Amino acid sequence: MSTNILKAILNLVTFNRNDLMQVYSSSNRINSMGIALEYFLKDIFCNSLNVSSINNKDKIYGEFLSYIGNQNNPPDFIVSGGDAVEVKKIEGLKNEIALNSSYPKSKLYSDSDMLTLACKKCEKWDIKDIIYSIGVLDASDKTKLKTLWMIYGDCYAANNKVYERIKNKIVEGVKDINDVELSETKELGRVNQVDPMGITNLRIRGMWAIENPVKVFDYITECNKNNKFTLFALMRNSKYQSFPKVDRDEFEKAGRDIFSIADVKIKNPDNPAKFIDAKLVKFVMN
């Protein structure tokens, strides 16, 4: 069975709820808003929002998703034959997004050392488009979503080589330090036996963060200032056109009455002097 972001948005709009902790209150496996948000994203892609049993949800996920990740490695899940999805939860409309040791990605590459072997082998693939799904909690009730952004990486992040260059420079700089014992690591570096007794080690980790899309894209949309849940989805026009025509026709038909689909021009993340044709979807819950 197949799914994509257009179907996911239609499922979300039809469900028309943002009180996630209440939605998932019957499961003792879902004990935090972050976990609830991950399940919510999987549910809208897999059309399983109305399935109450977590075990039954997991079975449905297997029909639509080729990979379900873990907390330490991106992405959070991969749609079979489709896009990767990374889920992030924040508590303020203008807070930056913590990416920890994983730099922002315009695309996901199967040879990345940040991926698990299971992710690399989940299906036959080399490059995946990646969706950053960023949920902002309601300040007055943190069991509810205030805003959800679904942004494709190539609208949001520069080419991976931009971040790799900085990362590699830091790694090379650590290696150039005299009289230290280094060991192999997937982090930026590890220095062993720093002190005379040889009992102290130093781990060097990258802690990446990216600006909130509210700030990044303030030139095409306004911050959600009302009390209603709002969804924003942003993708290149070429990506939108790549979806099956039957899905686009259904999406546009629904959009006439429920949400807006706007043609916008966004700054090219690799060269902000240039602009890219894109689609901005906006839905405001009644």
C-alpha atoms as a PDB file:
ATOM      1  CA  MET A   1       0.000   0.000   0.000  1.00  0.00           C
ATOM      2  CA  SER A   2       1.236   3.510  -0.743  1.00  0.00           C
ATOM      3  CA  THR A   3       1.047   6.860   0.986  1.00  0.00           C
ATOM      4  CA  ASN A   4       2.570  10.339   0.740  1.00  0.00           C
ATOM      5  CA  ILE A   5       2.406  13.771   2.324  1.00  0.00           C
ATOM      6  CA  LEU A   6      -0.724  14.766   0.387  1.00  0.00           C
ATOM      7  CA  LYS A   7      -2.637  11.776   1.757  1.00  0.00           C
ATOM      8  CA  ALA A   8      -1.209  12.475   5.213  1.00  0.00           C
ATOM      9  CA  ILE A   9      -2.504  16.057   5.174  1.00  0.00           C
ATOM     10  CA  LEU A  10      -5.968  14.902   4.084  1.00  0.00           C
ATOM     11  CA  ASN A  11      -5.994  12.358   6.930  1.00  0.00           C
ATOM     12  CA  LEU A  12      -4.994  15.060   9.426  1.00  0.00           C
ATOM     13  CA  VAL A  13      -7.635  17.480   8.142  1.00  0.00           C
ATOM     14  CA  THR A  14     -10.349  14.818   8.312  1.00  0.00           C
ATOM     15  CA  PHE A  15      -9.350  13.824  11.848  1.00  0.00           C
ATOM     16  CA  ASN A  16      -9.516  17.486  12.926  1.00  0.00           C
ATOM     17  CA  ARG A  17      -8.029  17.039  16.418  1.00  0.00           C
ATOM     18  CA  ASN A  18      -4.851  18.382  18.032  1.00  0.00           C
ATOM     19  CA  ASP A  19      -5.234  17.144  21.646  1.00  0.00           C
ATOM     20  CA  LEU A  20      -2.655  14.418  21.168  1.00  0.00           C
ATOM     21  CA  MET A  21      -2.237  13.255  24.761  1.00  0.00           C
ATOM     22  CA  GLN A  22      -5.993  12.752  24.978  1.00  0.00           C
ATOM     23  CA  VAL A  23      -6.029  10.932  21.640  1.00  0.00           C
ATOM     24  CA  TYR A  24      -3.358   8.499  22.849  1.00  0.00           C
ATOM     25  CA  SER A  25      -4.360   8.425  26.538  1.00  0.00           C
ATOM     26  CA  SER A  26      -5.440   4.763  26.385  1.00  0.00           C
ATOM     27  CA  SER A  27      -1.891   3.567  25.669  1.00  0.00           C
ATOM     28  CA  ASN A  28       0.598   3.177  28.493  1.00  0.00           C
ATOM     29  CA  ARG A  29       3.336   3.071  25.834  1.00  0.00           C
ATOM     30  CA  ILE A  30       2.745   6.741  24.959  1.00  0.00           C
ATOM     31  CA  ASN A  31       3.702   8.709  28.067  1.00  0.00           C
ATOM     32  CA  SER A  32       5.080  11.948  26.621  1.00  0.00           C
ATOM     33  CA  MET A  33       4.082  14.539  24.061  1.00  0.00           C
ATOM     34  CA  GLY A  34       7.186  13.769  21.994  1.00  0.00           C
ATOM     35  CA  ILE A  35       6.225  10.111  21.605  1.00  0.00           C
ATOM     36  CA  ALA A  36       2.594  11.076  20.948  1.00  0.00           C
ATOM     37  CA  LEU A  37       3.736  13.408  18.164  1.00  0.00           C
ATOM     38  CA  GLU A  38       5.759  10.623  16.519  1.00  0.00           C
ATOM     39  CA  TYR A  39       2.756   8.296  16.624  1.00  0.00           C
ATOM     40  CA  PHE A  40       0.544  11.076  15.281  1.00  0.00           C
ATOM     41  CA  LEU A  41       2.808  11.589  12.269  1.00  0.00           C
ATOM     42  CA  LYS A  42       2.952   7.857  11.558  1.00  0.00           C
ATOM     43  CA  ASP A  43      -0.817   7.658  11.946  1.00  0.00           C
ATOM     44  CA  ILE A  44      -1.582  10.420   9.476  1.00  0.00           C
ATOM     45  CA  PHE A  45       0.698   8.838   6.875  1.00  0.00           C
ATOM     46  CA  CYS A  46      -0.756   5.370   7.490  1.00  0.00           C
ATOM     47  CA  ASN A  47      -4.400   6.424   7.917  1.00  0.00           C
ATOM     48  CA  SER A  48      -4.503   4.761  11.331  1.00  0.00           C
ATOM     49  CA  LEU A  49      -5.628   7.675  13.514  1.00  0.00           C
ATOM     50  CA  ASN A  50      -8.850   5.920  14.474  1.00  0.00           C
ATOM     51  CA  VAL A  51      -7.094   2.664  15.402  1.00  0.00           C
ATOM     52  CA  SER A  52      -6.869   2.533  19.189  1.00  0.00           C
ATOM     53  CA  SER A  53      -4.652  -0.518  19.756  1.00  0.00           C
ATOM     54  CA  ILE A  54      -0.921   0.192  19.505  1.00  0.00           C
ATOM     55  CA  ASN A  55      -0.317  -3.390  18.366  1.00  0.00           C
ATOM     56  CA  ASN A  56      -2.835  -2.929  15.551  1.00  0.00           C
ATOM     57  CA  LYS A  57      -1.231   0.382  14.644  1.00  0.00           C
ATOM     58  CA  ASP A  58       2.154  -1.329  14.414  1.00  0.00           C
ATOM     59  CA  LYS A  59       0.716  -3.882  11.973  1.00  0.00           C
ATOM     60  CA  ILE A  60      -0.692  -1.119   9.785  1.00  0.00           C
ATOM     61  CA  TYR A  61       2.628   0.743   9.861  1.00  0.00           C
ATOM     62  CA  GLY A  62       4.241  -2.348   8.352  1.00  0.00           C
ATOM     63  CA  GLU A  63       1.961  -1.978   5.327  1.00  0.00           C
ATOM     64  CA  PHE A  64       3.001   1.619   4.626  1.00  0.00           C
ATOM     65  CA  LEU A  65       6.443   2.139   6.173  1.00  0.00           C
ATOM     66  CA  SER A  66       9.704   0.392   5.363  1.00  0.00           C
ATOM     67  CA  TYR A  67      11.556   1.680   8.434  1.00  0.00           C
ATOM     68  CA  ILE A  68      10.659   2.885  11.921  1.00  0.00           C
ATOM     69  CA  GLY A  69      13.660   4.468  13.594  1.00  0.00           C
ATOM     70  CA  ASN A  70      15.006   5.082  17.071  1.00  0.00           C
ATOM     71  CA  GLN A  71      15.728   8.175  19.154  1.00  0.00           C
ATOM     72  CA  ASN A  72      19.459   8.198  18.426  1.00  0.00           C
ATOM     73  CA  ASN A  73      19.543   8.042  14.628  1.00  0.00           C
ATOM     74  CA  PRO A  74      17.599   9.840  11.911  1.00  0.00           C
ATOM     75  CA  PRO A  75      15.059   9.512  10.402  1.00  0.00           C
ATOM     76  CA  ASP A  76      12.051   8.650  12.575  1.00  0.00           C
ATOM     77  CA  PHE A  77      10.450   6.660   9.764  1.00  0.00           C
ATOM     78  CA  ILE A  78      10.560   6.043   6.016  1.00  0.00           C
ATOM     79  CA  VAL A  79       7.530   5.685   3.768  1.00  0.00           C
ATOM     80  CA  SER A  80       7.866   2.568   1.602  1.00  0.00           C
ATOM     81  CA  GLY A  81       9.137   3.706  -1.780  1.00  0.00           C
ATOM     82  CA  GLY A  82       8.741   7.318  -0.642  1.00  0.00           C
ATOM     83  CA  ASP A  83      10.035   9.996   1.694  1.00  0.00           C
ATOM     84  CA  ALA A  84      11.881   9.941   5.006  1.00  0.00           C
ATOM     85  CA  VAL A  85      10.304  11.791   7.934  1.00  0.00           C
ATOM     86  CA  GLU A  86      12.094  13.391  10.875  1.00  0.00           C
ATOM     87  CA  VAL A  87       9.867  14.480  13.783  1.00  0.00           C
ATOM     88  CA  LYS A  88      10.782  17.314  16.146  1.00  0.00           C
ATOM     89  CA  LYS A  89       8.876  18.738  19.122  1.00  0.00           C
ATOM     90  CA  ILE A  90       9.423  22.273  20.439  1.00  0.00           C
ATOM     91  CA  GLU A  91       7.682  24.369  23.080  1.00  0.00           C
ATOM     92  CA  GLY A  92       7.729  27.841  21.570  1.00  0.00           C
ATOM     93  CA  LEU A  93       6.687  29.396  18.286  1.00  0.00           C
ATOM     94  CA  LYS A  94      10.138  30.936  17.844  1.00  0.00           C
ATOM     95  CA  ASN A  95      12.403  28.394  19.550  1.00  0.00           C
ATOM     96  CA  GLU A  96      15.125  26.946  17.344  1.00  0.00           C
ATOM     97  CA  ILE A  97      15.069  23.262  16.438  1.00  0.00           C
ATOM     98  CA  ALA A  98      17.642  21.079  18.192  1.00  0.00           C
ATOM     99  CA  LEU A  99      19.073  18.484  15.787  1.00  0.00           C
ATOM    100  CA  ASN A 100      21.768  17.262  18.205  1.00  0.00           C
ATOM    101  CA  SER A 101      24.543  15.347  16.434  1.00  0.00           C
ATOM    102  CA  SER A 102      22.753  15.277  13.064  1.00  0.00           C
ATOM    103  CA  TYR A 103      23.176  18.333  10.844  1.00  0.00           C
ATOM    104  CA  PRO A 104      20.167  19.524   8.770  1.00  0.00           C
ATOM    105  CA  LYS A 105      19.709  17.595   5.543  1.00  0.00           C
ATOM    106  CA  SER A 106      18.406  18.654   2.167  1.00  0.00           C
ATOM    107  CA  LYS A 107      18.323  14.970   1.184  1.00  0.00           C
ATOM    108  CA  LEU A 108      18.942  11.702   2.990  1.00  0.00           C
ATOM    109  CA  TYR A 109      21.717   9.512   1.560  1.00  0.00           C
ATOM    110  CA  SER A 110      21.946   5.798   2.250  1.00  0.00           C
ATOM    111  CA  ASP A 111      25.730   5.952   2.732  1.00  0.00           C
ATOM    112  CA  SER A 112      25.472   8.421   5.653  1.00  0.00           C
ATOM    113  CA  ASP A 113      27.323   7.234   8.756  1.00  0.00           C
ATOM    114  CA  MET A 114      24.473   8.624  10.888  1.00  0.00           C
ATOM    115  CA  LEU A 115      22.078   5.919   9.671  1.00  0.00           C
ATOM    116  CA  THR A 116      21.613   2.493  11.182  1.00  0.00           C
ATOM    117  CA  LEU A 117      22.254  -0.596   9.083  1.00  0.00           C
ATOM    118  CA  ALA A 118      18.542  -1.413   9.324  1.00  0.00           C
ATOM    119  CA  CYS A 119      17.709   1.974   7.799  1.00  0.00           C
ATOM    120  CA  LYS A 120      20.209   1.509   4.973  1.00  0.00           C
ATOM    121  CA  LYS A 121      18.827  -1.954   4.204  1.00  0.00           C
ATOM    122  CA  CYS A 122      15.096  -1.294   4.732  1.00  0.00           C
ATOM    123  CA  GLU A 123      14.561  -1.135   0.969  1.00  0.00           C
ATOM    124  CA  LYS A 124      16.657  -0.570  -2.119  1.00  0.00           C
ATOM    125  CA  TRP A 125      17.477   3.139  -2.105  1.00  0.00           C
ATOM    126  CA  ASP A 126      20.285   5.679  -2.520  1.00  0.00           C
ATOM    127  CA  ILE A 127      18.642   9.086  -1.961  1.00  0.00           C
ATOM    128  CA  LYS A 128      15.455  10.012  -0.144  1.00  0.00           C
ATOM    129  CA  ASP A 129      13.627  13.314   0.126  1.00  0.00           C
ATOM    130  CA  ILE A 130      13.236  14.153   3.809  1.00  0.00           C
ATOM    131  CA  ILE A 131      10.347  15.916   5.546  1.00  0.00           C
ATOM    132  CA  TYR A 132      11.019  17.835   8.752  1.00  0.00           C
ATOM    133  CA  SER A 133       7.802  17.562  10.772  1.00  0.00           C
ATOM    134  CA  ILE A 134       8.041  20.162  13.532  1.00  0.00           C
ATOM    135  CA  GLY A 135       5.332  20.246  16.160  1.00  0.00           C
ATOM    136  CA  VAL A 136       4.945  23.323  18.370  1.00  0.00           C
ATOM    137  CA  LEU A 137       3.117  22.799  21.658  1.00  0.00           C
ATOM    138  CA  ASP A 138       0.272  25.032  22.797  1.00  0.00           C
ATOM    139  CA  ALA A 139       1.692  27.331  25.488  1.00  0.00           C
ATOM    140  CA  SER A 140      -1.527  27.220  27.529  1.00  0.00           C
ATOM    141  CA  ASP A 141      -1.998  23.446  27.237  1.00  0.00           C
ATOM    142  CA  LYS A 142       1.090  21.417  26.402  1.00  0.00           C
ATOM    143  CA  THR A 143      -0.966  18.299  25.724  1.00  0.00           C
ATOM    144  CA  LYS A 144      -2.081  19.954  22.482  1.00  0.00           C
ATOM    145  CA  LEU A 145      -0.353  20.986  19.276  1.00  0.00           C
ATOM    146  CA  LYS A 146      -0.359  24.681  18.432  1.00  0.00           C
ATOM    147  CA  THR A 147       1.321  24.413  15.034  1.00  0.00           C
ATOM    148  CA  LEU A 148       2.673  21.669  12.794  1.00  0.00           C
ATOM    149  CA  TRP A 149       5.185  22.411  10.063  1.00  0.00           C
ATOM    150  CA  MET A 150       5.949  19.776   7.393  1.00  0.00           C
ATOM    151  CA  ILE A 151       8.890  21.063   5.352  1.00  0.00           C
ATOM    152  CA  TYR A 152      10.962  19.259   2.767  1.00  0.00           C
ATOM    153  CA  GLY A 153      14.666  19.388   3.517  1.00  0.00           C
ATOM    154  CA  ASP A 154      15.589  20.907   0.147  1.00  0.00           C
ATOM    155  CA  CYS A 155      13.427  23.942   1.031  1.00  0.00           C
ATOM    156  CA  TYR A 156      15.020  24.300   4.464  1.00  0.00           C
ATOM    157  CA  ALA A 157      18.645  23.121   4.466  1.00  0.00           C
ATOM    158  CA  ALA A 158      21.656  23.666   2.238  1.00  0.00           C
ATOM    159  CA  ASN A 159      23.455  20.910   0.355  1.00  0.00           C
ATOM    160  CA  ASN A 160      24.868  18.306   2.736  1.00  0.00           C
ATOM    161  CA  LYS A 161      28.421  19.188   1.654  1.00  0.00           C
ATOM    162  CA  VAL A 162      28.078  22.602   3.350  1.00  0.00           C
ATOM    163  CA  TYR A 163      27.711  20.957   6.761  1.00  0.00           C
ATOM    164  CA  GLU A 164      30.153  18.150   6.050  1.00  0.00           C
ATOM    165  CA  ARG A 165      32.875  20.726   5.302  1.00  0.00           C
ATOM    166  CA  ILE A 166      32.497  22.307   8.743  1.00  0.00           C
ATOM    167  CA  LYS A 167      32.301  18.930  10.452  1.00  0.00           C
ATOM    168  CA  ASN A 168      35.416  17.654   8.675  1.00  0.00           C
ATOM    169  CA  LYS A 169      37.390  20.819   9.506  1.00  0.00           C
ATOM    170  CA  ILE A 170      36.652  20.318  13.203  1.00  0.00           C
ATOM    171  CA  VAL A 171      37.639  16.645  13.048  1.00  0.00           C
ATOM    172  CA  GLU A 172      40.892  17.524  11.264  1.00  0.00           C
ATOM    173  CA  GLY A 173      41.628  20.201  13.865  1.00  0.00           C
ATOM    174  CA  VAL A 174      41.217  17.713  16.706  1.00  0.00           C
ATOM    175  CA  LYS A 175      43.539  15.259  14.963  1.00  0.00           C
ATOM    176  CA  ASP A 176      46.209  17.971  14.645  1.00  0.00           C
ATOM    177  CA  ILE A 177      46.516  18.419  18.425  1.00  0.00           C
ATOM    178  CA  ASN A 178      49.903  17.148  19.603  1.00  0.00           C
ATOM    179  CA  ASP A 179      50.446  14.637  22.390  1.00  0.00           C
ATOM    180  CA  VAL A 180      46.888  13.341  22.613  1.00  0.00           C
ATOM    181  CA  GLU A 181      45.589   9.826  22.143  1.00  0.00           C
ATOM    182  CA  LEU A 182      42.642   9.694  19.755  1.00  0.00           C
ATOM    183  CA  SER A 183      40.303   6.766  19.170  1.00  0.00           C
ATOM    184  CA  GLU A 184      37.856   5.920  16.409  1.00  0.00           C
ATOM    185  CA  THR A 185      34.388   7.358  16.984  1.00  0.00           C
ATOM    186  CA  LYS A 186      31.256   8.354  15.078  1.00  0.00           C
ATOM    187  CA  GLU A 187      31.300  11.638  16.991  1.00  0.00           C
ATOM    188  CA  LEU A 188      33.539  14.579  16.073  1.00  0.00           C
ATOM    189  CA  GLY A 189      36.332  13.156  18.172  1.00  0.00           C
ATOM    190  CA  ARG A 190      37.374  11.290  21.315  1.00  0.00           C
ATOM    191  CA  VAL A 191      40.535  12.059  23.220  1.00  0.00           C
ATOM    192  CA  ASN A 192      41.642   9.354  25.641  1.00  0.00           C
ATOM    193  CA  GLN A 193      43.781   9.640  28.794  1.00  0.00           C
ATOM    194  CA  VAL A 194      43.782  13.421  28.950  1.00  0.00           C
ATOM    195  CA  ASP A 195      45.302  13.636  32.443  1.00  0.00           C
ATOM    196  CA  PRO A 196      48.612  12.233  33.804  1.00  0.00           C
ATOM    197  CA  MET A 197      46.848   9.279  35.429  1.00  0.00           C
ATOM    198  CA  GLY A 198      45.147   8.408  32.156  1.00  0.00           C
ATOM    199  CA  ILE A 199      41.717   8.208  33.734  1.00  0.00           C
ATOM    200  CA  THR A 200      39.896  11.042  31.927  1.00  0.00           C
ATOM    201  CA  ASN A 201      38.514  10.926  28.402  1.00  0.00           C
ATOM    202  CA  LEU A 202      36.996  13.711  26.308  1.00  0.00           C
ATOM    203  CA  ARG A 203      34.070  13.146  23.934  1.00  0.00           C
ATOM    204  CA  ILE A 204      33.582  15.827  21.293  1.00  0.00           C
ATOM    205  CA  ARG A 205      30.053  15.965  19.929  1.00  0.00           C
ATOM    206  CA  GLY A 206      28.318  18.219  17.447  1.00  0.00           C
ATOM    207  CA  MET A 207      25.133  19.880  18.718  1.00  0.00           C
ATOM    208  CA  TRP A 208      23.423  21.199  15.606  1.00  0.00           C
ATOM    209  CA  ALA A 209      20.374  23.461  15.646  1.00  0.00           C
ATOM    210  CA  ILE A 210      18.358  25.217  12.949  1.00  0.00           C
ATOM    211  CA  GLU A 211      16.133  28.292  13.090  1.00  0.00           C
ATOM    212  CA  ASN A 212      12.407  27.822  13.560  1.00  0.00           C
ATOM    213  CA  PRO A 213      10.521  27.820  10.212  1.00  0.00           C
ATOM    214  CA  VAL A 214       8.319  30.592  11.592  1.00  0.00           C
ATOM    215  CA  LYS A 215      11.382  32.839  11.394  1.00  0.00           C
ATOM    216  CA  VAL A 216      12.954  31.305   8.281  1.00  0.00           C
ATOM    217  CA  PHE A 217       9.786  31.649   6.194  1.00  0.00           C
ATOM    218  CA  ASP A 218       8.321  34.820   7.690  1.00  0.00           C
ATOM    219  CA  TYR A 219       8.411  36.398   4.214  1.00  0.00           C
ATOM    220  CA  ILE A 220       5.787  33.969   2.849  1.00  0.00           C
ATOM    221  CA  THR A 221       3.534  33.360   5.862  1.00  0.00           C
ATOM    222  CA  GLU A 222       2.673  34.883   9.218  1.00  0.00           C
ATOM    223  CA  CYS A 223       3.253  33.340  12.620  1.00  0.00           C
ATOM    224  CA  ASN A 224       0.260  31.487  14.054  1.00  0.00           C
ATOM    225  CA  LYS A 225      -1.030  34.078  16.529  1.00  0.00           C
ATOM    226  CA  ASN A 226      -4.550  32.743  17.102  1.00  0.00           C
ATOM    227  CA  ASN A 227      -5.649  29.923  19.373  1.00  0.00           C
ATOM    228  CA  LYS A 228      -6.465  27.526  16.542  1.00  0.00           C
ATOM    229  CA  PHE A 229      -4.240  24.670  15.445  1.00  0.00           C
ATOM    230  CA  THR A 230      -2.499  25.503  12.167  1.00  0.00           C
ATOM    231  CA  LEU A 231      -0.687  23.255   9.712  1.00  0.00           C
ATOM    232  CA  PHE A 232       1.905  24.543   7.246  1.00  0.00           C
ATOM    233  CA  ALA A 233       3.383  22.256   4.576  1.00  0.00           C
ATOM    234  CA  LEU A 234       6.099  23.450   2.206  1.00  0.00           C
ATOM    235  CA  MET A 235       7.631  21.693  -0.786  1.00  0.00           C
ATOM    236  CA  ARG A 236       9.208  22.564  -4.106  1.00  0.00           C
ATOM    237  CA  ASN A 237       6.776  22.742  -6.999  1.00  0.00           C
ATOM    238  CA  SER A 238       8.748  20.008  -8.750  1.00  0.00           C
ATOM    239  CA  LYS A 239       8.140  17.735  -5.743  1.00  0.00           C
ATOM    240  CA  TYR A 240       4.434  18.495  -5.746  1.00  0.00           C
ATOM    241  CA  GLN A 241       4.217  17.664  -9.446  1.00  0.00           C
ATOM    242  CA  SER A 242       5.969  14.334  -8.836  1.00  0.00           C
ATOM    243  CA  PHE A 243       3.009  12.941  -6.881  1.00  0.00           C
ATOM    244  CA  PRO A 244       0.420  10.876  -8.809  1.00  0.00           C
ATOM    245  CA  LYS A 245      -2.120  13.057 -10.624  1.00  0.00           C
ATOM    246  CA  VAL A 246      -5.001  11.263  -8.933  1.00  0.00           C
ATOM    247  CA  ASP A 247      -3.568  12.244  -5.522  1.00  0.00           C
ATOM    248  CA  ARG A 248      -3.024  15.850  -6.598  1.00  0.00           C
ATOM    249  CA  ASP A 249      -6.547  16.097  -8.024  1.00  0.00           C
ATOM    250  CA  GLU A 250      -8.088  14.747  -4.815  1.00  0.00           C
ATOM    251  CA  PHE A 251      -5.913  17.044  -2.718  1.00  0.00           C
ATOM    252  CA  GLU A 252      -6.793  20.157  -4.720  1.00  0.00           C
ATOM    253  CA  LYS A 253     -10.497  19.316  -4.718  1.00  0.00           C
ATOM    254  CA  ALA A 254     -10.493  19.042  -0.926  1.00  0.00           C
ATOM    255  CA  GLY A 255      -8.405  22.179  -0.607  1.00  0.00           C
ATOM    256  CA  ARG A 256     -11.014  24.378  -2.230  1.00  0.00           C
ATOM    257  CA  ASP A 257     -13.182  24.182   0.876  1.00  0.00           C
ATOM    258  CA  ILE A 258     -10.846  23.208   3.720  1.00  0.00           C
ATOM    259  CA  PHE A 259      -7.310  24.540   3.255  1.00  0.00           C
ATOM    260  CA  SER A 260      -5.279  26.771   0.955  1.00  0.00           C
ATOM    261  CA  ILE A 261      -2.627  25.776  -1.591  1.00  0.00           C
ATOM    262  CA  ALA A 262      -0.518  28.769  -2.613  1.00  0.00           C
ATOM    263  CA  ASP A 263       2.190  29.151  -5.227  1.00  0.00           C
ATOM    264  CA  VAL A 264       5.124  30.888  -3.527  1.00  0.00           C
ATOM    265  CA  LYS A 265       8.750  31.655  -4.221  1.00  0.00           C
ATOM    266  CA  ILE A 266      11.243  30.691  -1.518  1.00  0.00           C
ATOM    267  CA  LYS A 267      14.927  31.446  -1.129  1.00  0.00           C
ATOM    268  CA  ASN A 268      17.257  28.759  -2.435  1.00  0.00           C
ATOM    269  CA  PRO A 269      19.014  27.376   0.680  1.00  0.00           C
ATOM    270  CA  ASP A 270      22.266  27.078  -1.316  1.00  0.00           C
ATOM    271  CA  ASN A 271      22.041  30.612  -2.754  1.00  0.00           C
ATOM    272  CA  PRO A 272      19.475  32.961  -1.135  1.00  0.00           C
ATOM    273  CA  ALA A 273      19.892  35.417  -4.024  1.00  0.00           C
ATOM    274  CA  LYS A 274      17.954  32.910  -6.143  1.00  0.00           C
ATOM    275  CA  PHE A 275      14.351  31.845  -5.634  1.00  0.00           C
ATOM    276  CA  ILE A 276      12.593  28.502  -6.060  1.00  0.00           C
ATOM    277  CA  ASP A 277       8.987  27.873  -7.097  1.00  0.00           C
ATOM    278  CA  ALA A 278       7.217  26.141  -4.226  1.00  0.00           C
ATOM    279  CA  LYS A 279       3.821  25.138  -2.841  1.00  0.00           C
ATOM    280  CA  LEU A 280       2.664  26.313   0.588  1.00  0.00           C
ATOM    281  CA  VAL A 281      -0.270  24.473   2.138  1.00  0.00           C
ATOM    282  CA  LYS A 282      -2.082  26.051   5.105  1.00  0.00           C
ATOM    283  CA  PHE A 283      -4.852  24.533   7.182  1.00  0.00           C
ATOM    284  CA  VAL A 284      -6.500  26.188  10.195  1.00  0.00           C
ATOM    285  CA  MET A 285      -8.596  23.975  12.447  1.00  0.00           C
ATOM    286  CA  ASN A 286     -12.106  25.246  13.196  1.00  0.00           C
END
